[in-house]
Amino acid sequence: PGFPMDGGRVLRGILWNASGNAVSATKHASSAGTIISYVIVALGAVIIVQGDIAAGVWVGATGWLLSTLARSYYRAMLLKIALNGLTVRDLCARDLPALQTSDTVAVASSHFGAGALSRTLPVLFGERAAGAIGDVQAAGVPADEAATKTVASVMTRASDLPSLSPWVDAALLPAILSTAALGSALVESEGVFIGLV
């Protein structure tokens, strides 16, 4: 009955039917799955103590895997519910300071640090997106070069970043951003830069 295995899904369905709350049902099924997984890990330890190391390690690893799956499925459910009905436009940052390709790395660095709005800033060429620069990229430039080196020379180019329409379903964002450079995507409509997500 450990969630997300079949028995855990049945338990979640029963709890959901009883309460009418999918989040609460998923949380309780996930907690039950986590408890069961810890019991399996403990059983693996007992088997190791009894002398069957290979079987004990296998059972313990299975329990640990179930525990990880239970937590990750619960987080995925919360994220899915949170993004339901939203579009990229609803989530993109439109009020970030936008740099121009001719700006220096020192200018970019002044926007990063404690209290910064974002760890990534858009870089424009006029009104069009040229790319983005992250705080790590800016910090990688030696201090004596930061005042003369342009952000264009260190930024991630727009061609290397996903470009999304503002009307794309926000539920697609986790998969897109998990593999994107800087963990960011440009939001554009008909070539016009709107924001960064």
C-alpha atoms as a PDB file:
ATOM      1  CA  PRO A   1       0.000   0.000   0.000  1.00  0.00           C
ATOM      2  CA  GLY A   2       2.986   2.339  -0.263  1.00  0.00           C
ATOM      3  CA  PHE A   3       2.287   5.368  -2.442  1.00  0.00           C
ATOM      4  CA  PRO A   4       3.022   5.713  -5.389  1.00  0.00           C
ATOM      5  CA  MET A   5       2.714   1.957  -5.875  1.00  0.00           C
ATOM      6  CA  ASP A   6      -0.689   0.560  -6.876  1.00  0.00           C
ATOM      7  CA  GLY A   7      -1.855  -0.057  -3.320  1.00  0.00           C
ATOM      8  CA  GLY A   8      -0.929   3.506  -2.377  1.00  0.00           C
ATOM      9  CA  ARG A   9      -2.902   4.839  -5.330  1.00  0.00           C
ATOM     10  CA  VAL A  10      -5.925   2.839  -4.202  1.00  0.00           C
ATOM     11  CA  LEU A  11      -5.519   4.275  -0.692  1.00  0.00           C
ATOM     12  CA  ARG A  12      -5.270   7.781  -2.184  1.00  0.00           C
ATOM     13  CA  GLY A  13      -8.450   7.167  -4.201  1.00  0.00           C
ATOM     14  CA  ILE A  14     -10.340   6.018  -1.110  1.00  0.00           C
ATOM     15  CA  LEU A  15      -9.161   9.032   0.907  1.00  0.00           C
ATOM     16  CA  TRP A  16      -9.947  11.403  -1.956  1.00  0.00           C
ATOM     17  CA  ASN A  17     -13.441   9.949  -2.312  1.00  0.00           C
ATOM     18  CA  ALA A  18     -14.028  10.271   1.438  1.00  0.00           C
ATOM     19  CA  SER A  19     -12.701  13.835   1.820  1.00  0.00           C
ATOM     20  CA  GLY A  20     -13.169  15.327  -1.640  1.00  0.00           C
ATOM     21  CA  ASN A  21      -9.706  16.902  -1.282  1.00  0.00           C
ATOM     22  CA  ALA A  22      -7.061  15.598  -3.693  1.00  0.00           C
ATOM     23  CA  VAL A  23      -4.172  17.386  -1.951  1.00  0.00           C
ATOM     24  CA  SER A  24      -5.041  16.047   1.502  1.00  0.00           C
ATOM     25  CA  ALA A  25      -5.590  12.544   0.122  1.00  0.00           C
ATOM     26  CA  THR A  26      -2.240  12.623  -1.671  1.00  0.00           C
ATOM     27  CA  LYS A  27      -0.485  13.911   1.459  1.00  0.00           C
ATOM     28  CA  HIS A  28      -1.916  11.143   3.650  1.00  0.00           C
ATOM     29  CA  ALA A  29      -1.212   8.418   1.068  1.00  0.00           C
ATOM     30  CA  SER A  30       2.320   9.778   0.665  1.00  0.00           C
ATOM     31  CA  SER A  31       2.820   9.767   4.454  1.00  0.00           C
ATOM     32  CA  ALA A  32       1.586   6.167   4.616  1.00  0.00           C
ATOM     33  CA  GLY A  33       3.970   5.262   1.797  1.00  0.00           C
ATOM     34  CA  THR A  34       6.863   6.940   3.624  1.00  0.00           C
ATOM     35  CA  ILE A  35       6.100   5.060   6.860  1.00  0.00           C
ATOM     36  CA  ILE A  36       5.931   1.752   4.980  1.00  0.00           C
ATOM     37  CA  SER A  37       9.202   2.525   3.217  1.00  0.00           C
ATOM     38  CA  TYR A  38      10.924   3.190   6.577  1.00  0.00           C
ATOM     39  CA  VAL A  39       9.620  -0.142   7.851  1.00  0.00           C
ATOM     40  CA  ILE A  40      11.118  -1.803   4.759  1.00  0.00           C
ATOM     41  CA  VAL A  41      14.458  -0.035   5.361  1.00  0.00           C
ATOM     42  CA  ALA A  42      14.414  -1.248   8.989  1.00  0.00           C
ATOM     43  CA  LEU A  43      13.621  -4.764   7.773  1.00  0.00           C
ATOM     44  CA  GLY A  44      16.653  -4.536   5.477  1.00  0.00           C
ATOM     45  CA  ALA A  45      18.815  -3.593   8.476  1.00  0.00           C
ATOM     46  CA  VAL A  46      17.485  -6.587  10.443  1.00  0.00           C
ATOM     47  CA  ILE A  47      18.284  -8.909   7.525  1.00  0.00           C
ATOM     48  CA  ILE A  48      21.831  -7.501   7.363  1.00  0.00           C
ATOM     49  CA  VAL A  49      22.297  -8.062  11.116  1.00  0.00           C
ATOM     50  CA  GLN A  50      21.097 -11.653  10.659  1.00  0.00           C
ATOM     51  CA  GLY A  51      23.936 -12.170   8.206  1.00  0.00           C
ATOM     52  CA  ASP A  52      22.380 -11.940   4.737  1.00  0.00           C
ATOM     53  CA  ILE A  53      24.085  -8.732   3.643  1.00  0.00           C
ATOM     54  CA  ALA A  54      23.120  -8.856  -0.048  1.00  0.00           C
ATOM     55  CA  ALA A  55      19.417  -9.403   0.635  1.00  0.00           C
ATOM     56  CA  GLY A  56      19.427  -6.797   3.420  1.00  0.00           C
ATOM     57  CA  VAL A  57      21.020  -4.159   1.198  1.00  0.00           C
ATOM     58  CA  TRP A  58      18.550  -4.952  -1.582  1.00  0.00           C
ATOM     59  CA  VAL A  59      15.528  -4.695   0.756  1.00  0.00           C
ATOM     60  CA  GLY A  60      16.868  -1.497   2.368  1.00  0.00           C
ATOM     61  CA  ALA A  61      17.534   0.110  -1.017  1.00  0.00           C
ATOM     62  CA  THR A  62      14.008  -0.790  -2.139  1.00  0.00           C
ATOM     63  CA  GLY A  63      12.569   0.897   0.950  1.00  0.00           C
ATOM     64  CA  TRP A  64      14.704   3.988   0.397  1.00  0.00           C
ATOM     65  CA  LEU A  65      13.548   4.184  -3.233  1.00  0.00           C
ATOM     66  CA  LEU A  66       9.901   3.967  -2.152  1.00  0.00           C
ATOM     67  CA  SER A  67      10.463   6.774   0.354  1.00  0.00           C
ATOM     68  CA  THR A  68      11.973   9.015  -2.324  1.00  0.00           C
ATOM     69  CA  LEU A  69       9.163   8.240  -4.759  1.00  0.00           C
ATOM     70  CA  ALA A  70       6.458   8.964  -2.172  1.00  0.00           C
ATOM     71  CA  ARG A  71       7.878  12.433  -1.435  1.00  0.00           C
ATOM     72  CA  SER A  72       8.522  13.307  -5.084  1.00  0.00           C
ATOM     73  CA  TYR A  73       5.028  12.274  -6.201  1.00  0.00           C
ATOM     74  CA  TYR A  74       3.488  14.435  -3.489  1.00  0.00           C
ATOM     75  CA  ARG A  75       5.573  17.451  -4.574  1.00  0.00           C
ATOM     76  CA  ALA A  76       4.651  16.791  -8.214  1.00  0.00           C
ATOM     77  CA  MET A  77       0.952  16.711  -7.294  1.00  0.00           C
ATOM     78  CA  LEU A  78       1.223  20.050  -5.449  1.00  0.00           C
ATOM     79  CA  LEU A  79       3.033  21.598  -8.411  1.00  0.00           C
ATOM     80  CA  LYS A  80       0.433  20.289 -10.857  1.00  0.00           C
ATOM     81  CA  ILE A  81      -2.407  21.724  -8.784  1.00  0.00           C
ATOM     82  CA  ALA A  82      -0.589  25.052  -8.325  1.00  0.00           C
ATOM     83  CA  LEU A  83      -0.019  25.447 -12.078  1.00  0.00           C
ATOM     84  CA  ASN A  84      -3.494  24.302 -13.124  1.00  0.00           C
ATOM     85  CA  GLY A  85      -5.142  26.893 -15.374  1.00  0.00           C
ATOM     86  CA  LEU A  86      -2.118  29.209 -15.490  1.00  0.00           C
ATOM     87  CA  THR A  87      -0.163  30.283 -18.556  1.00  0.00           C
ATOM     88  CA  VAL A  88       3.453  31.335 -18.955  1.00  0.00           C
ATOM     89  CA  ARG A  89       2.279  34.967 -19.059  1.00  0.00           C
ATOM     90  CA  ASP A  90       0.909  34.589 -15.523  1.00  0.00           C
ATOM     91  CA  LEU A  91       4.297  33.498 -14.186  1.00  0.00           C
ATOM     92  CA  CYS A  92       6.863  35.412 -16.209  1.00  0.00           C
ATOM     93  CA  ALA A  93       8.833  38.210 -14.579  1.00  0.00           C
ATOM     94  CA  ARG A  94       8.188  41.396 -16.526  1.00  0.00           C
ATOM     95  CA  ASP A  95       9.661  43.854 -14.048  1.00  0.00           C
ATOM     96  CA  LEU A  96      13.274  42.640 -14.041  1.00  0.00           C
ATOM     97  CA  PRO A  97      16.013  45.092 -14.959  1.00  0.00           C
ATOM     98  CA  ALA A  98      16.783  44.487 -18.635  1.00  0.00           C
ATOM     99  CA  LEU A  99      20.382  44.852 -19.735  1.00  0.00           C
ATOM    100  CA  GLN A 100      21.531  45.863 -23.198  1.00  0.00           C
ATOM    101  CA  THR A 101      24.227  43.880 -24.999  1.00  0.00           C
ATOM    102  CA  SER A 102      26.557  46.894 -24.700  1.00  0.00           C
ATOM    103  CA  ASP A 103      26.254  47.050 -20.881  1.00  0.00           C
ATOM    104  CA  THR A 104      29.280  45.937 -18.896  1.00  0.00           C
ATOM    105  CA  VAL A 105      29.470  42.947 -16.589  1.00  0.00           C
ATOM    106  CA  ALA A 106      29.945  45.417 -13.729  1.00  0.00           C
ATOM    107  CA  VAL A 107      26.494  46.858 -14.478  1.00  0.00           C
ATOM    108  CA  ALA A 108      25.033  43.337 -14.493  1.00  0.00           C
ATOM    109  CA  SER A 109      26.790  42.489 -11.210  1.00  0.00           C
ATOM    110  CA  SER A 110      25.257  45.535  -9.547  1.00  0.00           C
ATOM    111  CA  HIS A 111      21.825  43.896 -10.004  1.00  0.00           C
ATOM    112  CA  PHE A 112      22.881  40.633  -8.336  1.00  0.00           C
ATOM    113  CA  GLY A 113      23.627  39.872  -4.702  1.00  0.00           C
ATOM    114  CA  ALA A 114      21.582  40.162  -1.524  1.00  0.00           C
ATOM    115  CA  GLY A 115      18.058  41.336  -2.184  1.00  0.00           C
ATOM    116  CA  ALA A 116      18.298  40.725  -5.944  1.00  0.00           C
ATOM    117  CA  LEU A 117      14.999  40.189  -7.764  1.00  0.00           C
ATOM    118  CA  SER A 118      16.426  37.306  -9.777  1.00  0.00           C
ATOM    119  CA  ARG A 119      19.585  35.279 -10.308  1.00  0.00           C
ATOM    120  CA  THR A 120      19.119  35.676 -14.067  1.00  0.00           C
ATOM    121  CA  LEU A 121      18.519  38.858 -16.062  1.00  0.00           C
ATOM    122  CA  PRO A 122      17.415  39.313 -19.674  1.00  0.00           C
ATOM    123  CA  VAL A 123      19.805  40.897 -22.161  1.00  0.00           C
ATOM    124  CA  LEU A 124      18.265  42.851 -25.020  1.00  0.00           C
ATOM    125  CA  PHE A 125      19.541  44.220 -28.298  1.00  0.00           C
ATOM    126  CA  GLY A 126      17.274  47.207 -28.618  1.00  0.00           C
ATOM    127  CA  GLU A 127      13.806  45.762 -27.942  1.00  0.00           C
ATOM    128  CA  ARG A 128      14.604  42.176 -28.961  1.00  0.00           C
ATOM    129  CA  ALA A 129      15.900  39.438 -26.682  1.00  0.00           C
ATOM    130  CA  ALA A 130      19.572  38.683 -27.235  1.00  0.00           C
ATOM    131  CA  GLY A 131      19.986  36.280 -24.328  1.00  0.00           C
ATOM    132  CA  ALA A 132      20.288  36.193 -20.553  1.00  0.00           C
ATOM    133  CA  ILE A 133      23.057  36.448 -17.992  1.00  0.00           C
ATOM    134  CA  GLY A 134      23.172  34.637 -14.668  1.00  0.00           C
ATOM    135  CA  ASP A 135      24.839  35.740 -11.462  1.00  0.00           C
ATOM    136  CA  VAL A 136      27.378  32.910 -11.738  1.00  0.00           C
ATOM    137  CA  GLN A 137      28.370  34.044 -15.234  1.00  0.00           C
ATOM    138  CA  ALA A 138      28.816  37.619 -14.019  1.00  0.00           C
ATOM    139  CA  ALA A 139      30.792  36.502 -10.952  1.00  0.00           C
ATOM    140  CA  GLY A 140      33.089  34.458 -13.201  1.00  0.00           C
ATOM    141  CA  VAL A 141      34.519  37.607 -14.766  1.00  0.00           C
ATOM    142  CA  PRO A 142      37.575  38.944 -12.869  1.00  0.00           C
ATOM    143  CA  ALA A 143      36.881  42.236 -11.083  1.00  0.00           C
ATOM    144  CA  ASP A 144      39.529  44.098 -13.101  1.00  0.00           C
ATOM    145  CA  GLU A 145      37.776  43.118 -16.371  1.00  0.00           C
ATOM    146  CA  ALA A 146      34.149  43.585 -15.262  1.00  0.00           C
ATOM    147  CA  ALA A 147      34.119  47.323 -15.999  1.00  0.00           C
ATOM    148  CA  THR A 148      35.194  46.846 -19.625  1.00  0.00           C
ATOM    149  CA  LYS A 149      33.817  43.448 -20.616  1.00  0.00           C
ATOM    150  CA  THR A 150      30.307  43.519 -22.105  1.00  0.00           C
ATOM    151  CA  VAL A 151      27.511  41.200 -21.028  1.00  0.00           C
ATOM    152  CA  ALA A 152      27.251  40.072 -24.667  1.00  0.00           C
ATOM    153  CA  SER A 153      30.612  38.326 -24.308  1.00  0.00           C
ATOM    154  CA  VAL A 154      29.553  36.162 -21.347  1.00  0.00           C
ATOM    155  CA  MET A 155      25.766  35.824 -21.631  1.00  0.00           C
ATOM    156  CA  THR A 156      23.849  32.748 -22.748  1.00  0.00           C
ATOM    157  CA  ARG A 157      22.574  33.555 -26.227  1.00  0.00           C
ATOM    158  CA  ALA A 158      18.857  33.586 -27.029  1.00  0.00           C
ATOM    159  CA  SER A 159      19.369  30.717 -29.462  1.00  0.00           C
ATOM    160  CA  ASP A 160      20.482  28.548 -26.512  1.00  0.00           C
ATOM    161  CA  LEU A 161      17.435  29.416 -24.382  1.00  0.00           C
ATOM    162  CA  PRO A 162      13.866  28.195 -24.800  1.00  0.00           C
ATOM    163  CA  SER A 163      11.564  30.850 -26.232  1.00  0.00           C
ATOM    164  CA  LEU A 164       7.962  30.510 -25.122  1.00  0.00           C
ATOM    165  CA  SER A 165       4.718  32.109 -26.154  1.00  0.00           C
ATOM    166  CA  PRO A 166       2.950  33.819 -23.250  1.00  0.00           C
ATOM    167  CA  TRP A 167      -0.042  31.548 -23.833  1.00  0.00           C
ATOM    168  CA  VAL A 168       1.787  28.244 -23.295  1.00  0.00           C
ATOM    169  CA  ASP A 169       0.285  26.126 -20.499  1.00  0.00           C
ATOM    170  CA  ALA A 170       2.319  26.705 -17.310  1.00  0.00           C
ATOM    171  CA  ALA A 171       2.123  22.975 -16.500  1.00  0.00           C
ATOM    172  CA  LEU A 172       4.790  22.444 -19.190  1.00  0.00           C
ATOM    173  CA  LEU A 173       7.292  24.736 -17.449  1.00  0.00           C
ATOM    174  CA  PRO A 174       8.884  22.251 -15.002  1.00  0.00           C
ATOM    175  CA  ALA A 175       9.941  19.939 -17.853  1.00  0.00           C
ATOM    176  CA  ILE A 176      11.158  22.838 -20.023  1.00  0.00           C
ATOM    177  CA  LEU A 177      13.083  24.678 -17.304  1.00  0.00           C
ATOM    178  CA  SER A 178      14.709  21.550 -15.859  1.00  0.00           C
ATOM    179  CA  THR A 179      16.825  21.197 -19.006  1.00  0.00           C
ATOM    180  CA  ALA A 180      17.145  24.880 -19.964  1.00  0.00           C
ATOM    181  CA  ALA A 181      20.388  26.807 -19.701  1.00  0.00           C
ATOM    182  CA  LEU A 182      20.290  29.013 -16.574  1.00  0.00           C
ATOM    183  CA  GLY A 183      16.988  27.294 -15.680  1.00  0.00           C
ATOM    184  CA  SER A 184      15.267  30.121 -17.555  1.00  0.00           C
ATOM    185  CA  ALA A 185      13.254  30.743 -20.692  1.00  0.00           C
ATOM    186  CA  LEU A 186      12.509  33.879 -22.690  1.00  0.00           C
ATOM    187  CA  VAL A 187       8.869  34.831 -23.083  1.00  0.00           C
ATOM    188  CA  GLU A 188       8.215  36.441 -26.458  1.00  0.00           C
ATOM    189  CA  SER A 189       5.231  37.257 -28.623  1.00  0.00           C
ATOM    190  CA  GLU A 190       5.835  37.768 -32.348  1.00  0.00           C
ATOM    191  CA  GLY A 191       9.501  38.500 -31.669  1.00  0.00           C
ATOM    192  CA  VAL A 192       8.781  41.076 -28.969  1.00  0.00           C
ATOM    193  CA  PHE A 193      10.354  40.376 -25.566  1.00  0.00           C
ATOM    194  CA  ILE A 194       7.794  40.179 -22.748  1.00  0.00           C
ATOM    195  CA  GLY A 195       9.654  38.706 -19.797  1.00  0.00           C
ATOM    196  CA  LEU A 196      11.696  35.902 -18.315  1.00  0.00           C
ATOM    197  CA  VAL A 197      10.546  32.768 -16.582  1.00  0.00           C
END
